[in-house]
PDB file of N, CA and C in Angstrom:
ATOM      1  N   UNK A   1     -14.481  -6.911  76.757  1.00  0.00           N
ATOM      2  CA  UNK A   1     -13.878  -7.967  75.959  1.00  0.00           C
ATOM      3  C   UNK A   1     -14.020  -9.289  76.696  1.00  0.00           C
ATOM      4  N   UNK A   2     -14.517 -10.275  76.014  1.00  0.00           N
ATOM      5  CA  UNK A   2     -14.707 -11.600  76.586  1.00  0.00           C
ATOM      6  C   UNK A   2     -13.434 -12.418  76.401  1.00  0.00           C
ATOM      7  N   UNK A   3     -12.909 -12.934  77.492  1.00  0.00           N
ATOM      8  CA  UNK A   3     -11.679 -13.716  77.445  1.00  0.00           C
ATOM      9  C   UNK A   3     -11.981 -15.153  77.036  1.00  0.00           C
ATOM     10  N   UNK A   4     -10.933 -15.892  76.731  1.00  0.00           N
ATOM     11  CA  UNK A   4     -11.078 -17.308  76.397  1.00  0.00           C
ATOM     12  C   UNK A   4     -11.663 -18.060  77.594  1.00  0.00           C
ATOM     13  N   UNK A   5     -11.194 -17.735  78.788  1.00  0.00           N
ATOM     14  CA  UNK A   5     -11.738 -18.369  79.998  1.00  0.00           C
ATOM     15  C   UNK A   5     -13.213 -18.018  80.153  1.00  0.00           C
ATOM     16  N   UNK A   6     -13.579 -16.797  79.834  1.00  0.00           N
ATOM     17  CA  UNK A   6     -14.975 -16.368  79.900  1.00  0.00           C
ATOM     18  C   UNK A   6     -15.851 -17.131  78.924  1.00  0.00           C
ATOM     19  N   UNK A   7     -15.332 -17.374  77.733  1.00  0.00           N
ATOM     20  CA  UNK A   7     -16.076 -18.161  76.732  1.00  0.00           C
ATOM     21  C   UNK A   7     -16.269 -19.598  77.199  1.00  0.00           C
ATOM     22  N   UNK A   8     -15.213 -20.184  77.738  1.00  0.00           N
ATOM     23  CA  UNK A   8     -15.291 -21.564  78.225  1.00  0.00           C
ATOM     24  C   UNK A   8     -16.261 -21.641  79.408  1.00  0.00           C
ATOM     25  N   UNK A   9     -16.195 -20.664  80.294  1.00  0.00           N
ATOM     26  CA  UNK A   9     -17.098 -20.603  81.440  1.00  0.00           C
ATOM     27  C   UNK A   9     -18.546 -20.548  80.957  1.00  0.00           C
ATOM     28  N   UNK A  10     -18.790 -19.715  79.970  1.00  0.00           N
ATOM     29  CA  UNK A  10     -20.131 -19.582  79.408  1.00  0.00           C
ATOM     30  C   UNK A  10     -20.612 -20.912  78.818  1.00  0.00           C
ATOM     31  N   UNK A  11     -19.737 -21.624  78.121  1.00  0.00           N
ATOM     32  CA  UNK A  11     -20.084 -22.926  77.546  1.00  0.00           C
ATOM     33  C   UNK A  11     -20.455 -23.932  78.630  1.00  0.00           C
ATOM     34  N   UNK A  12     -19.661 -23.986  79.698  1.00  0.00           N
ATOM     35  CA  UNK A  12     -19.928 -24.936  80.776  1.00  0.00           C
ATOM     36  C   UNK A  12     -21.249 -24.627  81.473  1.00  0.00           C
ATOM     37  N   UNK A  13     -21.527 -23.359  81.676  1.00  0.00           N
ATOM     38  CA  UNK A  13     -22.779 -22.978  82.323  1.00  0.00           C
ATOM     39  C   UNK A  13     -23.968 -23.268  81.411  1.00  0.00           C
ATOM     40  N   UNK A  14     -23.826 -22.997  80.124  1.00  0.00           N
ATOM     41  CA  UNK A  14     -24.905 -23.311  79.178  1.00  0.00           C
ATOM     42  C   UNK A  14     -25.177 -24.805  79.137  1.00  0.00           C
ATOM     43  N   UNK A  15     -24.131 -25.618  79.248  1.00  0.00           N
ATOM     44  CA  UNK A  15     -24.310 -27.062  79.285  1.00  0.00           C
ATOM     45  C   UNK A  15     -25.130 -27.472  80.506  1.00  0.00           C
ATOM     46  N   UNK A  16     -24.817 -26.891  81.651  1.00  0.00           N
ATOM     47  CA  UNK A  16     -25.568 -27.185  82.881  1.00  0.00           C
ATOM     48  C   UNK A  16     -27.032 -26.777  82.722  1.00  0.00           C
ATOM     49  N   UNK A  17     -27.266 -25.637  82.089  1.00  0.00           N
ATOM     50  CA  UNK A  17     -28.641 -25.183  81.864  1.00  0.00           C
ATOM     51  C   UNK A  17     -29.365 -26.152  80.938  1.00  0.00           C
ATOM     52  N   UNK A  18     -28.717 -26.542  79.862  1.00  0.00           N
ATOM     53  CA  UNK A  18     -29.333 -27.474  78.906  1.00  0.00           C
ATOM     54  C   UNK A  18     -29.622 -28.831  79.541  1.00  0.00           C
ATOM     55  N   UNK A  19     -28.706 -29.291  80.407  1.00  0.00           N
ATOM     56  CA  UNK A  19     -28.857 -30.593  81.068  1.00  0.00           C
ATOM     57  C   UNK A  19     -29.801 -30.529  82.274  1.00  0.00           C
ATOM     58  N   UNK A  20     -30.053 -29.323  82.770  1.00  0.00           N
ATOM     59  CA  UNK A  20     -30.848 -29.104  83.993  1.00  0.00           C
ATOM     60  C   UNK A  20     -30.195 -29.760  85.211  1.00  0.00           C
ATOM     61  N   UNK A  21     -28.899 -29.979  85.131  1.00  0.00           N
ATOM     62  CA  UNK A  21     -28.169 -30.546  86.260  1.00  0.00           C
ATOM     63  C   UNK A  21     -26.688 -30.213  86.144  1.00  0.00           C
ATOM     64  N   UNK A  22     -26.014 -30.297  87.305  1.00  0.00           N
ATOM     65  CA  UNK A  22     -24.579 -30.030  87.328  1.00  0.00           C
ATOM     66  C   UNK A  22     -23.951 -30.936  88.383  1.00  0.00           C
ATOM     67  N   UNK A  23     -22.819 -31.496  88.043  1.00  0.00           N
ATOM     68  CA  UNK A  23     -22.108 -32.339  88.998  1.00  0.00           C
ATOM     69  C   UNK A  23     -21.176 -31.481  89.842  1.00  0.00           C
ATOM     70  N   UNK A  24     -20.739 -32.043  90.961  1.00  0.00           N
ATOM     71  CA  UNK A  24     -19.780 -31.343  91.817  1.00  0.00           C
ATOM     72  C   UNK A  24     -18.491 -31.075  91.041  1.00  0.00           C
ATOM     73  N   UNK A  25     -18.088 -32.017  90.214  1.00  0.00           N
ATOM     74  CA  UNK A  25     -16.865 -31.857  89.411  1.00  0.00           C
ATOM     75  C   UNK A  25     -17.016 -30.702  88.416  1.00  0.00           C
ATOM     76  N   UNK A  26     -18.178 -30.619  87.755  1.00  0.00           N
ATOM     77  CA  UNK A  26     -18.414 -29.527  86.808  1.00  0.00           C
ATOM     78  C   UNK A  26     -18.432 -28.178  87.526  1.00  0.00           C
ATOM     79  N   UNK A  27     -19.053 -28.132  88.700  1.00  0.00           N
ATOM     80  CA  UNK A  27     -19.112 -26.886  89.460  1.00  0.00           C
ATOM     81  C   UNK A  27     -17.711 -26.464  89.912  1.00  0.00           C
ATOM     82  N   UNK A  28     -16.910 -27.423  90.353  1.00  0.00           N
ATOM     83  CA  UNK A  28     -15.523 -27.122  90.720  1.00  0.00           C
ATOM     84  C   UNK A  28     -14.745 -26.584  89.518  1.00  0.00           C
ATOM     85  N   UNK A  29     -14.962 -27.205  88.350  1.00  0.00           N
ATOM     86  CA  UNK A  29     -14.280 -26.765  87.134  1.00  0.00           C
ATOM     87  C   UNK A  29     -14.682 -25.328  86.776  1.00  0.00           C
ATOM     88  N   UNK A  30     -15.961 -25.009  86.936  1.00  0.00           N
ATOM     89  CA  UNK A  30     -16.453 -23.667  86.655  1.00  0.00           C
ATOM     90  C   UNK A  30     -15.795 -22.658  87.590  1.00  0.00           C
ATOM     91  N   UNK A  31     -15.754 -22.959  88.884  1.00  0.00           N
ATOM     92  CA  UNK A  31     -15.139 -22.033  89.839  1.00  0.00           C
ATOM     93  C   UNK A  31     -13.641 -21.875  89.587  1.00  0.00           C
ATOM     94  N   UNK A  32     -12.973 -22.981  89.263  1.00  0.00           N
ATOM     95  CA  UNK A  32     -11.538 -22.920  88.955  1.00  0.00           C
ATOM     96  C   UNK A  32     -11.294 -22.050  87.717  1.00  0.00           C
ATOM     97  N   UNK A  33     -12.076 -22.279  86.699  1.00  0.00           N
ATOM     98  CA  UNK A  33     -11.919 -21.540  85.453  1.00  0.00           C
ATOM     99  C   UNK A  33     -12.139 -20.042  85.673  1.00  0.00           C
ATOM    100  N   UNK A  34     -13.141 -19.709  86.464  1.00  0.00           N
ATOM    101  CA  UNK A  34     -13.453 -18.297  86.714  1.00  0.00           C
ATOM    102  C   UNK A  34     -12.332 -17.588  87.467  1.00  0.00           C
ATOM    103  N   UNK A  35     -11.646 -18.315  88.324  1.00  0.00           N
ATOM    104  CA  UNK A  35     -10.630 -17.668  89.168  1.00  0.00           C
ATOM    105  C   UNK A  35      -9.188 -17.955  88.754  1.00  0.00           C
ATOM    106  N   UNK A  36      -8.981 -18.679  87.686  1.00  0.00           N
ATOM    107  CA  UNK A  36      -7.634 -19.098  87.314  1.00  0.00           C
ATOM    108  C   UNK A  36      -6.701 -17.937  86.989  1.00  0.00           C
ATOM    109  N   UNK A  37      -7.228 -16.834  86.490  1.00  0.00           N
ATOM    110  CA  UNK A  37      -6.361 -15.696  86.172  1.00  0.00           C
ATOM    111  C   UNK A  37      -6.222 -14.726  87.341  1.00  0.00           C
ATOM    112  N   UNK A  38      -6.806 -15.086  88.493  1.00  0.00           N
ATOM    113  CA  UNK A  38      -6.687 -14.251  89.675  1.00  0.00           C
ATOM    114  C   UNK A  38      -7.688 -13.106  89.727  1.00  0.00           C
ATOM    115  N   UNK A  39      -8.559 -13.024  88.727  1.00  0.00           N
ATOM    116  CA  UNK A  39      -9.538 -11.940  88.673  1.00  0.00           C
ATOM    117  C   UNK A  39     -10.823 -12.452  88.041  1.00  0.00           C
ATOM    118  N   UNK A  40     -11.940 -12.235  88.726  1.00  0.00           N
ATOM    119  CA  UNK A  40     -13.239 -12.588  88.155  1.00  0.00           C
ATOM    120  C   UNK A  40     -13.799 -11.306  87.547  1.00  0.00           C
ATOM    121  N   UNK A  41     -13.850 -11.273  86.207  1.00  0.00           N
ATOM    122  CA  UNK A  41     -14.310 -10.052  85.539  1.00  0.00           C
ATOM    123  C   UNK A  41     -15.833  -9.924  85.616  1.00  0.00           C
ATOM    124  N   UNK A  42     -16.339  -8.823  85.140  1.00  0.00           N
ATOM    125  CA  UNK A  42     -17.766  -8.505  85.240  1.00  0.00           C
ATOM    126  C   UNK A  42     -18.638  -9.587  84.590  1.00  0.00           C
ATOM    127  N   UNK A  43     -18.291 -10.001  83.388  1.00  0.00           N
ATOM    128  CA  UNK A  43     -19.061 -11.019  82.664  1.00  0.00           C
ATOM    129  C   UNK A  43     -19.060 -12.339  83.435  1.00  0.00           C
ATOM    130  N   UNK A  44     -17.908 -12.743  83.919  1.00  0.00           N
ATOM    131  CA  UNK A  44     -17.810 -13.991  84.686  1.00  0.00           C
ATOM    132  C   UNK A  44     -18.639 -13.898  85.969  1.00  0.00           C
ATOM    133  N   UNK A  45     -18.596 -12.760  86.612  1.00  0.00           N
ATOM    134  CA  UNK A  45     -19.357 -12.562  87.854  1.00  0.00           C
ATOM    135  C   UNK A  45     -20.863 -12.709  87.593  1.00  0.00           C
ATOM    136  N   UNK A  46     -21.335 -12.142  86.503  1.00  0.00           N
ATOM    137  CA  UNK A  46     -22.755 -12.251  86.144  1.00  0.00           C
ATOM    138  C   UNK A  46     -23.124 -13.706  85.870  1.00  0.00           C
ATOM    139  N   UNK A  47     -22.282 -14.412  85.105  1.00  0.00           N
ATOM    140  CA  UNK A  47     -22.548 -15.818  84.803  1.00  0.00           C
ATOM    141  C   UNK A  47     -22.597 -16.659  86.071  1.00  0.00           C
ATOM    142  N   UNK A  48     -21.650 -16.443  86.973  1.00  0.00           N
ATOM    143  CA  UNK A  48     -21.620 -17.206  88.222  1.00  0.00           C
ATOM    144  C   UNK A  48     -22.844 -16.907  89.081  1.00  0.00           C
ATOM    145  N   UNK A  49     -23.236 -15.655  89.131  1.00  0.00           N
ATOM    146  CA  UNK A  49     -24.413 -15.275  89.914  1.00  0.00           C
ATOM    147  C   UNK A  49     -25.663 -15.956  89.355  1.00  0.00           C
ATOM    148  N   UNK A  50     -25.816 -15.952  88.040  1.00  0.00           N
ATOM    149  CA  UNK A  50     -26.967 -16.595  87.415  1.00  0.00           C
ATOM    150  C   UNK A  50     -26.957 -18.101  87.683  1.00  0.00           C
ATOM    151  N   UNK A  51     -25.792 -18.712  87.564  1.00  0.00           N
ATOM    152  CA  UNK A  51     -25.681 -20.142  87.817  1.00  0.00           C
ATOM    153  C   UNK A  51     -26.089 -20.474  89.244  1.00  0.00           C
ATOM    154  N   UNK A  52     -25.558 -19.751  90.198  1.00  0.00           N
ATOM    155  CA  UNK A  52     -25.866 -20.024  91.600  1.00  0.00           C
ATOM    156  C   UNK A  52     -27.338 -19.761  91.916  1.00  0.00           C
ATOM    157  N   UNK A  53     -27.936 -18.782  91.246  1.00  0.00           N
ATOM    158  CA  UNK A  53     -29.366 -18.526  91.439  1.00  0.00           C
ATOM    159  C   UNK A  53     -30.186 -19.696  90.899  1.00  0.00           C
ATOM    160  N   UNK A  54     -29.802 -20.225  89.748  1.00  0.00           N
ATOM    161  CA  UNK A  54     -30.524 -21.365  89.172  1.00  0.00           C
ATOM    162  C   UNK A  54     -30.364 -22.619  90.027  1.00  0.00           C
ATOM    163  N   UNK A  55     -29.211 -22.773  90.661  1.00  0.00           N
ATOM    164  CA  UNK A  55     -29.013 -23.901  91.578  1.00  0.00           C
ATOM    165  C   UNK A  55     -29.886 -23.688  92.821  1.00  0.00           C
ATOM    166  N   UNK A  56     -29.917 -22.469  93.326  1.00  0.00           N
ATOM    167  CA  UNK A  56     -30.693 -22.173  94.530  1.00  0.00           C
ATOM    168  C   UNK A  56     -32.190 -22.388  94.306  1.00  0.00           C
ATOM    169  N   UNK A  57     -32.687 -21.988  93.134  1.00  0.00           N
ATOM    170  CA  UNK A  57     -34.129 -22.161  92.897  1.00  0.00           C
ATOM    171  C   UNK A  57     -34.454 -23.499  92.220  1.00  0.00           C
ATOM    172  N   UNK A  58     -33.440 -24.354  92.141  1.00  0.00           N
ATOM    173  CA  UNK A  58     -33.553 -25.726  91.648  1.00  0.00           C
ATOM    174  C   UNK A  58     -33.911 -25.827  90.156  1.00  0.00           C
ATOM    175  N   UNK A  59     -33.632 -24.758  89.408  1.00  0.00           N
ATOM    176  CA  UNK A  59     -33.742 -24.839  87.954  1.00  0.00           C
ATOM    177  C   UNK A  59     -32.664 -25.797  87.442  1.00  0.00           C
ATOM    178  N   UNK A  60     -31.501 -25.739  88.103  1.00  0.00           N
ATOM    179  CA  UNK A  60     -30.402 -26.673  87.849  1.00  0.00           C
ATOM    180  C   UNK A  60     -30.213 -27.492  89.114  1.00  0.00           C
ATOM    181  N   UNK A  61     -30.276 -28.804  88.950  1.00  0.00           N
ATOM    182  CA  UNK A  61     -30.143 -29.698  90.098  1.00  0.00           C
ATOM    183  C   UNK A  61     -28.684 -30.129  90.255  1.00  0.00           C
ATOM    184  N   UNK A  62     -28.196 -30.083  91.492  1.00  0.00           N
ATOM    185  CA  UNK A  62     -26.835 -30.595  91.764  1.00  0.00           C
ATOM    186  C   UNK A  62     -26.916 -32.109  91.912  1.00  0.00           C
ATOM    187  N   UNK A  63     -26.067 -32.793  91.196  1.00  0.00           N
ATOM    188  CA  UNK A  63     -26.013 -34.259  91.245  1.00  0.00           C
ATOM    189  C   UNK A  63     -24.589 -34.674  91.599  1.00  0.00           C
ATOM    190  N   UNK A  64     -24.442 -35.872  92.144  1.00  0.00           N
ATOM    191  CA  UNK A  64     -23.085 -36.323  92.524  1.00  0.00           C
ATOM    192  C   UNK A  64     -22.149 -36.496  91.335  1.00  0.00           C
TER     193      UNK A  64
END
């Protein structure tokens, strides 16, 4: 079951993918959202892993 936080997390990550960039503020918001309920579920973990991989391989560029 996808939670409301999971849906919002997915939206924020999709925005970063579409923009090909992510700000420090957006990344902080994503991490906060993922951990706000005290548990990172399987779906959230996969999304975060994909996001960090795209940042690492520069598919998504970190901007100030």
